[in-house]
């Protein structure tokens, strides 16, 4: 299972602490140094069942400076995936990528339901 994150992100730090406190095994991946590829993003998007816009870091500086709020609704899925693959800072984080599920963003109840097996 991959934990894809940006170390300076406060939400990512909380998520990492949560994973560690729950003794969840993961492989840490720095989203800026190892940006997800178009192929990876397409696979994760298709497996997640989520809308593609959920994969965008809408609160990020790059998203805002590129004025993507107005541009994304006019783009095809292929164009959105290519854009996401161009810079890891555009991708919502943290991400959990497991064999049987994808988690986008840190929502403790979602993570608990998916990661803590009783």
Protein backbone atom coordinates (compact mmCIF):
# COMPACT_ATOMS: atom_id res chain seq x y z
CA UNK A 1 0.00 0.00 0.00
CA UNK A 2 1.30 3.46 -0.94
CA UNK A 3 0.92 6.54 1.22
CA UNK A 4 1.40 9.38 -1.24
CA UNK A 5 2.04 12.67 0.48
CA UNK A 6 3.87 15.97 0.63
CA UNK A 7 5.93 16.12 3.84
CA UNK A 8 5.34 19.86 4.44
CA UNK A 9 1.54 19.46 4.21
CA UNK A 10 -0.09 19.64 7.66
CA UNK A 11 -2.90 17.25 6.63
CA UNK A 12 -0.32 14.77 5.37
CA UNK A 13 1.52 14.99 8.69
CA UNK A 14 -1.73 14.25 10.56
CA UNK A 15 -2.48 11.33 8.24
CA UNK A 16 1.02 9.89 8.66
CA UNK A 17 0.75 10.15 12.44
CA UNK A 18 -2.65 8.42 12.25
CA UNK A 19 -1.21 5.58 10.14
CA UNK A 20 1.73 5.15 12.51
CA UNK A 21 -0.45 5.24 15.65
CA UNK A 22 -2.68 2.54 14.13
CA UNK A 23 0.36 0.50 13.08
CA UNK A 24 -0.67 0.47 9.42
CA UNK A 25 2.08 -0.71 7.05
CA UNK A 26 2.70 1.51 4.03
CA UNK A 27 5.30 2.62 1.54
CA UNK A 28 5.86 6.38 1.78
CA UNK A 29 5.97 8.27 -1.53
CA UNK A 30 6.81 11.97 -1.84
CA UNK A 31 4.34 13.40 -4.36
CA UNK A 32 6.63 16.22 -5.52
CA UNK A 33 9.73 14.05 -5.98
CA UNK A 34 7.82 11.11 -7.47
CA UNK A 35 4.82 12.63 -9.24
CA UNK A 36 2.09 10.16 -10.20
CA UNK A 37 2.13 9.35 -13.90
CA UNK A 38 -0.79 9.71 -16.28
CA UNK A 39 -1.17 5.92 -16.30
CA UNK A 40 -1.18 5.70 -12.49
CA UNK A 41 -3.67 8.55 -12.12
CA UNK A 42 -5.99 7.04 -14.74
CA UNK A 43 -5.89 3.68 -12.95
CA UNK A 44 -6.52 5.22 -9.52
CA UNK A 45 -9.34 7.38 -10.84
CA UNK A 46 -11.05 4.43 -12.52
CA UNK A 47 -10.67 2.19 -9.46
CA UNK A 48 -11.74 4.86 -6.96
CA UNK A 49 -15.25 5.44 -8.27
CA UNK A 50 -14.75 9.14 -7.47
CA UNK A 51 -15.23 12.14 -9.71
CA UNK A 52 -11.95 13.17 -11.32
CA UNK A 53 -12.19 16.65 -9.82
CA UNK A 54 -11.70 15.04 -6.37
CA UNK A 55 -8.09 14.32 -7.37
CA UNK A 56 -7.26 18.03 -7.66
CA UNK A 57 -5.69 19.94 -4.78
CA UNK A 58 -8.17 22.81 -5.00
CA UNK A 59 -6.69 24.64 -2.00
CA UNK A 60 -3.16 24.63 -3.42
CA UNK A 61 -1.31 27.72 -4.62
CA UNK A 62 -0.59 26.22 -8.04
CA UNK A 63 -4.26 25.34 -8.61
CA UNK A 64 -5.25 28.89 -7.71
CA UNK A 65 -2.48 30.62 -9.68
CA UNK A 66 -3.42 28.62 -12.79
CA UNK A 67 -7.08 29.61 -12.27
CA UNK A 68 -8.12 25.98 -12.69
CA UNK A 69 -11.47 26.47 -10.99
CA UNK A 70 -12.76 28.00 -14.22
CA UNK A 71 -10.76 25.80 -16.64
CA UNK A 72 -11.36 22.28 -15.28
CA UNK A 73 -15.10 22.16 -16.07
CA UNK A 74 -14.23 22.76 -19.74
CA UNK A 75 -11.55 20.05 -19.93
CA UNK A 76 -11.86 16.42 -21.01
CA UNK A 77 -10.90 13.66 -18.56
CA UNK A 78 -7.77 13.02 -20.61
CA UNK A 79 -6.75 16.69 -20.36
CA UNK A 80 -7.39 16.66 -16.60
CA UNK A 81 -5.28 13.54 -16.12
CA UNK A 82 -2.45 15.01 -18.22
CA UNK A 83 -2.59 18.18 -16.11
CA UNK A 84 -2.51 16.21 -12.84
CA UNK A 85 0.45 14.18 -14.13
CA UNK A 86 2.35 17.37 -14.96
CA UNK A 87 2.90 18.44 -11.34
CA UNK A 88 2.38 16.57 -8.05
CA UNK A 89 1.35 19.79 -6.33
CA UNK A 90 -1.90 19.72 -8.33
CA UNK A 91 -2.85 16.34 -6.88
CA UNK A 92 -5.01 16.13 -3.75
CA UNK A 93 -3.11 14.58 -0.91
CA UNK A 94 -2.62 12.47 0.98
CA UNK A 95 -3.54 9.47 -1.13
CA UNK A 96 -3.74 5.87 -0.06
CA UNK A 97 -3.36 3.46 -2.94
CA UNK A 98 -4.06 -0.14 -2.02
CA UNK A 99 -4.88 -3.17 -4.16
CA UNK A 100 -8.60 -2.96 -3.47
CA UNK A 101 -9.27 0.73 -2.70
CA UNK A 102 -8.10 4.31 -3.18
CA UNK A 103 -8.48 7.03 -0.54
CA UNK A 104 -8.15 10.69 -1.55
CA UNK A 105 -7.60 13.25 1.20
CA UNK A 106 -7.58 12.47 4.91
CA UNK A 107 -10.97 11.73 6.39
CA UNK A 108 -10.42 9.77 9.57
CA UNK A 109 -13.71 7.82 9.46
CA UNK A 110 -13.09 6.79 5.84
CA UNK A 111 -9.55 5.72 6.63
CA UNK A 112 -10.65 3.83 9.72
CA UNK A 113 -13.32 1.95 7.76
CA UNK A 114 -10.87 1.01 5.00
CA UNK A 115 -7.67 0.40 6.99
CA UNK A 116 -8.63 -0.94 10.40
CA UNK A 117 -9.74 -4.52 10.17
CA UNK A 118 -11.55 -5.63 13.33
